Amino acid sequence: MIDETAVGISLRAATLMKLAIVRAHGKISLAEAGVLGAVCSRPRRITELAAREGVTQPAMTRLVTRLERRGWVRRDVDAADGRVVLVAPTAAGRQVHESLRAEYRALLHEEMAALPDRDLNTLAEAIEILDRLIAQLTGGEDQGAA
């Protein structure tokens, strides 16, 4: 039987690892990294970003404004509906996002290289299950993870 608490703790550890990388990067918060990752997968409405990050729309507007001032995102008018504004990454924003992802992968690679093959196979199976769970919880939406 799977210990759901242990799984939750493991997922929290992965989040904390992302947080450590974001903090080491020094110029972006975890929430900003989440939004940047989300818009790098596809442009999004502020309301969608707010729901995704679990914050109010005004808080998300402020966060997007900070990212915009840094030159990492821009606001575009939706071609299908001129009343809708979409947040999209700039080239600089994509670079920051890729840098964070590379740091995360490098740290994860170092830690995983020390694991025995049996544990790596177990992790691979767990990742497939977690991907399905995330897809169910998000309606199949790409998470844009760091």
C-alpha atoms as a PDB file:
ATOM      1  CA  MET A   1       0.000   0.000   0.000  1.00  0.00           C
ATOM      2  CA  ILE A   2       1.240   3.485  -0.917  1.00  0.00           C
ATOM      3  CA  ASP A   3       1.725   5.967   1.885  1.00  0.00           C
ATOM      4  CA  GLU A   4      -0.008   9.080   0.522  1.00  0.00           C
ATOM      5  CA  THR A   5       1.719  11.235   3.123  1.00  0.00           C
ATOM      6  CA  ALA A   6       5.129  10.063   1.892  1.00  0.00           C
ATOM      7  CA  VAL A   7       4.162  10.867  -1.693  1.00  0.00           C
ATOM      8  CA  GLY A   8       3.057  14.333  -0.594  1.00  0.00           C
ATOM      9  CA  ILE A   9       6.330  14.844   1.244  1.00  0.00           C
ATOM     10  CA  SER A  10       8.273  13.746  -1.845  1.00  0.00           C
ATOM     11  CA  LEU A  11       6.354  16.172  -4.050  1.00  0.00           C
ATOM     12  CA  ARG A  12       7.029  18.909  -1.500  1.00  0.00           C
ATOM     13  CA  ALA A  13      10.748  18.028  -1.653  1.00  0.00           C
ATOM     14  CA  ALA A  14      10.684  18.469  -5.443  1.00  0.00           C
ATOM     15  CA  THR A  15       8.999  21.845  -5.003  1.00  0.00           C
ATOM     16  CA  LEU A  16      11.577  22.860  -2.412  1.00  0.00           C
ATOM     17  CA  MET A  17      14.342  21.877  -4.833  1.00  0.00           C
ATOM     18  CA  LYS A  18      12.770  24.177  -7.439  1.00  0.00           C
ATOM     19  CA  LEU A  19      12.541  26.910  -4.818  1.00  0.00           C
ATOM     20  CA  ALA A  20      16.240  26.500  -3.966  1.00  0.00           C
ATOM     21  CA  ILE A  21      17.168  26.902  -7.634  1.00  0.00           C
ATOM     22  CA  VAL A  22      14.909  29.914  -8.044  1.00  0.00           C
ATOM     23  CA  ARG A  23      16.427  31.509  -4.937  1.00  0.00           C
ATOM     24  CA  ALA A  24      19.964  30.718  -6.107  1.00  0.00           C
ATOM     25  CA  HIS A  25      19.117  32.349  -9.432  1.00  0.00           C
ATOM     26  CA  GLY A  26      18.522  35.469  -7.364  1.00  0.00           C
ATOM     27  CA  LYS A  27      16.294  37.456  -9.654  1.00  0.00           C
ATOM     28  CA  ILE A  28      12.978  35.644  -9.751  1.00  0.00           C
ATOM     29  CA  SER A  29      10.434  34.376  -7.226  1.00  0.00           C
ATOM     30  CA  LEU A  30       8.823  30.947  -7.344  1.00  0.00           C
ATOM     31  CA  ALA A  31       5.505  32.536  -8.398  1.00  0.00           C
ATOM     32  CA  GLU A  32       7.227  34.507 -11.155  1.00  0.00           C
ATOM     33  CA  ALA A  33       8.999  31.353 -12.342  1.00  0.00           C
ATOM     34  CA  GLY A  34       5.637  29.535 -12.396  1.00  0.00           C
ATOM     35  CA  VAL A  35       3.997  32.244 -14.484  1.00  0.00           C
ATOM     36  CA  LEU A  36       6.979  32.453 -16.816  1.00  0.00           C
ATOM     37  CA  GLY A  37       6.859  28.679 -17.303  1.00  0.00           C
ATOM     38  CA  ALA A  38       3.132  28.779 -17.966  1.00  0.00           C
ATOM     39  CA  VAL A  39       3.338  31.485 -20.632  1.00  0.00           C
ATOM     40  CA  CYS A  40       6.370  29.830 -22.243  1.00  0.00           C
ATOM     41  CA  SER A  41       4.162  26.821 -23.001  1.00  0.00           C
ATOM     42  CA  ARG A  42       1.484  29.086 -24.535  1.00  0.00           C
ATOM     43  CA  PRO A  43       0.127  32.639 -24.108  1.00  0.00           C
ATOM     44  CA  ARG A  44      -2.414  32.909 -21.295  1.00  0.00           C
ATOM     45  CA  ARG A  45      -5.038  35.266 -19.925  1.00  0.00           C
ATOM     46  CA  ILE A  46      -4.359  36.921 -16.580  1.00  0.00           C
ATOM     47  CA  THR A  47      -7.485  35.266 -15.158  1.00  0.00           C
ATOM     48  CA  GLU A  48      -6.154  31.853 -16.187  1.00  0.00           C
ATOM     49  CA  LEU A  49      -2.749  32.589 -14.649  1.00  0.00           C
ATOM     50  CA  ALA A  50      -4.371  33.767 -11.410  1.00  0.00           C
ATOM     51  CA  ALA A  51      -6.435  30.579 -11.139  1.00  0.00           C
ATOM     52  CA  ARG A  52      -3.409  28.448 -11.960  1.00  0.00           C
ATOM     53  CA  GLU A  53      -1.257  30.087  -9.274  1.00  0.00           C
ATOM     54  CA  GLY A  54      -4.097  30.354  -6.742  1.00  0.00           C
ATOM     55  CA  VAL A  55      -3.959  34.127  -6.403  1.00  0.00           C
ATOM     56  CA  THR A  56      -6.382  36.969  -7.050  1.00  0.00           C
ATOM     57  CA  GLN A  57      -6.573  38.624 -10.444  1.00  0.00           C
ATOM     58  CA  PRO A  58      -5.184  41.943  -9.078  1.00  0.00           C
ATOM     59  CA  ALA A  59      -2.225  40.076  -7.531  1.00  0.00           C
ATOM     60  CA  MET A  60      -1.553  38.345 -10.851  1.00  0.00           C
ATOM     61  CA  THR A  61      -1.803  41.654 -12.695  1.00  0.00           C
ATOM     62  CA  ARG A  62       0.905  43.069 -10.383  1.00  0.00           C
ATOM     63  CA  LEU A  63       3.081  39.988 -10.908  1.00  0.00           C
ATOM     64  CA  VAL A  64       2.701  40.183 -14.688  1.00  0.00           C
ATOM     65  CA  THR A  65       3.530  43.905 -14.544  1.00  0.00           C
ATOM     66  CA  ARG A  66       6.770  43.078 -12.667  1.00  0.00           C
ATOM     67  CA  LEU A  67       7.679  40.489 -15.308  1.00  0.00           C
ATOM     68  CA  GLU A  68       6.786  42.961 -18.045  1.00  0.00           C
ATOM     69  CA  ARG A  69       9.037  45.656 -16.523  1.00  0.00           C
ATOM     70  CA  ARG A  70      11.913  43.167 -16.524  1.00  0.00           C
ATOM     71  CA  GLY A  71      11.287  42.565 -20.216  1.00  0.00           C
ATOM     72  CA  TRP A  72      10.357  38.899 -19.706  1.00  0.00           C
ATOM     73  CA  VAL A  73       6.710  39.012 -20.829  1.00  0.00           C
ATOM     74  CA  ARG A  74       4.504  41.169 -23.006  1.00  0.00           C
ATOM     75  CA  ARG A  75       0.766  41.652 -23.274  1.00  0.00           C
ATOM     76  CA  ASP A  76      -0.733  40.872 -26.676  1.00  0.00           C
ATOM     77  CA  VAL A  77      -4.253  41.309 -27.981  1.00  0.00           C
ATOM     78  CA  ASP A  78      -5.865  37.965 -28.810  1.00  0.00           C
ATOM     79  CA  ALA A  79      -6.278  37.765 -32.583  1.00  0.00           C
ATOM     80  CA  ALA A  80      -9.509  35.779 -32.154  1.00  0.00           C
ATOM     81  CA  ASP A  81     -11.071  38.257 -29.697  1.00  0.00           C
ATOM     82  CA  GLY A  82      -9.711  41.797 -29.606  1.00  0.00           C
ATOM     83  CA  ARG A  83     -11.129  42.331 -26.105  1.00  0.00           C
ATOM     84  CA  VAL A  84      -8.860  39.644 -24.639  1.00  0.00           C
ATOM     85  CA  VAL A  85      -5.296  40.311 -23.536  1.00  0.00           C
ATOM     86  CA  LEU A  86      -2.842  37.418 -23.488  1.00  0.00           C
ATOM     87  CA  VAL A  87       0.437  37.309 -21.593  1.00  0.00           C
ATOM     88  CA  ALA A  88       3.268  35.908 -23.729  1.00  0.00           C
ATOM     89  CA  PRO A  89       7.009  35.514 -23.124  1.00  0.00           C
ATOM     90  CA  THR A  90       9.631  37.688 -24.755  1.00  0.00           C
ATOM     91  CA  ALA A  91      12.903  36.249 -26.037  1.00  0.00           C
ATOM     92  CA  ALA A  92      14.555  37.358 -22.779  1.00  0.00           C
ATOM     93  CA  GLY A  93      11.785  35.662 -20.775  1.00  0.00           C
ATOM     94  CA  ARG A  94      12.306  32.415 -22.670  1.00  0.00           C
ATOM     95  CA  GLN A  95      16.036  32.645 -21.913  1.00  0.00           C
ATOM     96  CA  VAL A  96      15.396  33.073 -18.178  1.00  0.00           C
ATOM     97  CA  HIS A  97      12.934  30.169 -18.229  1.00  0.00           C
ATOM     98  CA  GLU A  98      15.395  27.906 -20.063  1.00  0.00           C
ATOM     99  CA  SER A  99      18.170  28.897 -17.673  1.00  0.00           C
ATOM    100  CA  LEU A 100      16.025  27.923 -14.679  1.00  0.00           C
ATOM    101  CA  ARG A 101      15.085  24.632 -16.324  1.00  0.00           C
ATOM    102  CA  ALA A 102      18.734  23.871 -17.090  1.00  0.00           C
ATOM    103  CA  GLU A 103      19.758  24.560 -13.476  1.00  0.00           C
ATOM    104  CA  TYR A 104      16.937  22.361 -12.219  1.00  0.00           C
ATOM    105  CA  ARG A 105      17.862  19.513 -14.588  1.00  0.00           C
ATOM    106  CA  ALA A 106      21.563  19.769 -13.650  1.00  0.00           C
ATOM    107  CA  LEU A 107      20.808  19.576  -9.931  1.00  0.00           C
ATOM    108  CA  LEU A 108      18.368  16.742 -10.450  1.00  0.00           C
ATOM    109  CA  HIS A 109      20.856  14.885 -12.675  1.00  0.00           C
ATOM    110  CA  GLU A 110      23.572  15.084 -10.005  1.00  0.00           C
ATOM    111  CA  GLU A 111      21.271  13.643  -7.368  1.00  0.00           C
ATOM    112  CA  MET A 112      19.797  10.982  -9.652  1.00  0.00           C
ATOM    113  CA  ALA A 113      23.219   9.819 -10.870  1.00  0.00           C
ATOM    114  CA  ALA A 114      23.876   8.488  -7.370  1.00  0.00           C
ATOM    115  CA  LEU A 115      20.710   6.353  -7.325  1.00  0.00           C
ATOM    116  CA  PRO A 116      20.758   2.615  -8.057  1.00  0.00           C
ATOM    117  CA  ASP A 117      19.112   1.453 -11.314  1.00  0.00           C
ATOM    118  CA  ARG A 118      16.206  -0.085  -9.392  1.00  0.00           C
ATOM    119  CA  ASP A 119      15.353   3.307  -7.859  1.00  0.00           C
ATOM    120  CA  LEU A 120      15.669   5.050 -11.232  1.00  0.00           C
ATOM    121  CA  ASN A 121      13.223   2.575 -12.790  1.00  0.00           C
ATOM    122  CA  THR A 122      10.810   3.131  -9.910  1.00  0.00           C
ATOM    123  CA  LEU A 123      11.080   6.895 -10.428  1.00  0.00           C
ATOM    124  CA  ALA A 124      10.414   6.533 -14.148  1.00  0.00           C
ATOM    125  CA  GLU A 125       7.228   4.592 -13.415  1.00  0.00           C
ATOM    126  CA  ALA A 126       6.200   7.125 -10.768  1.00  0.00           C
ATOM    127  CA  ILE A 127       6.722  10.003 -13.192  1.00  0.00           C
ATOM    128  CA  GLU A 128       4.360   8.392 -15.700  1.00  0.00           C
ATOM    129  CA  ILE A 129       1.722   8.007 -12.982  1.00  0.00           C
ATOM    130  CA  LEU A 130       2.231  11.582 -11.755  1.00  0.00           C
ATOM    131  CA  ASP A 131       1.981  12.893 -15.320  1.00  0.00           C
ATOM    132  CA  ARG A 132      -1.382  11.144 -15.699  1.00  0.00           C
ATOM    133  CA  LEU A 133      -2.549  12.497 -12.341  1.00  0.00           C
ATOM    134  CA  ILE A 134      -1.487  16.031 -13.250  1.00  0.00           C
ATOM    135  CA  ALA A 135      -3.239  15.706 -16.622  1.00  0.00           C
ATOM    136  CA  GLN A 136      -6.439  14.640 -14.850  1.00  0.00           C
ATOM    137  CA  LEU A 137      -6.226  17.486 -12.355  1.00  0.00           C
ATOM    138  CA  THR A 138      -5.459  20.129 -14.961  1.00  0.00           C
ATOM    139  CA  GLY A 139      -7.516  18.872 -17.856  1.00  0.00           C
ATOM    140  CA  GLY A 140      -4.406  17.801 -19.782  1.00  0.00           C
ATOM    141  CA  GLU A 141      -2.811  21.253 -19.654  1.00  0.00           C
ATOM    142  CA  ASP A 142       0.982  21.498 -19.984  1.00  0.00           C
ATOM    143  CA  GLN A 143       2.456  22.545 -16.656  1.00  0.00           C
ATOM    144  CA  GLY A 144       5.548  24.283 -17.914  1.00  0.00           C
ATOM    145  CA  ALA A 145       7.569  23.072 -15.029  1.00  0.00           C
ATOM    146  CA  ALA A 146      10.933  24.680 -14.109  1.00  0.00           C
END
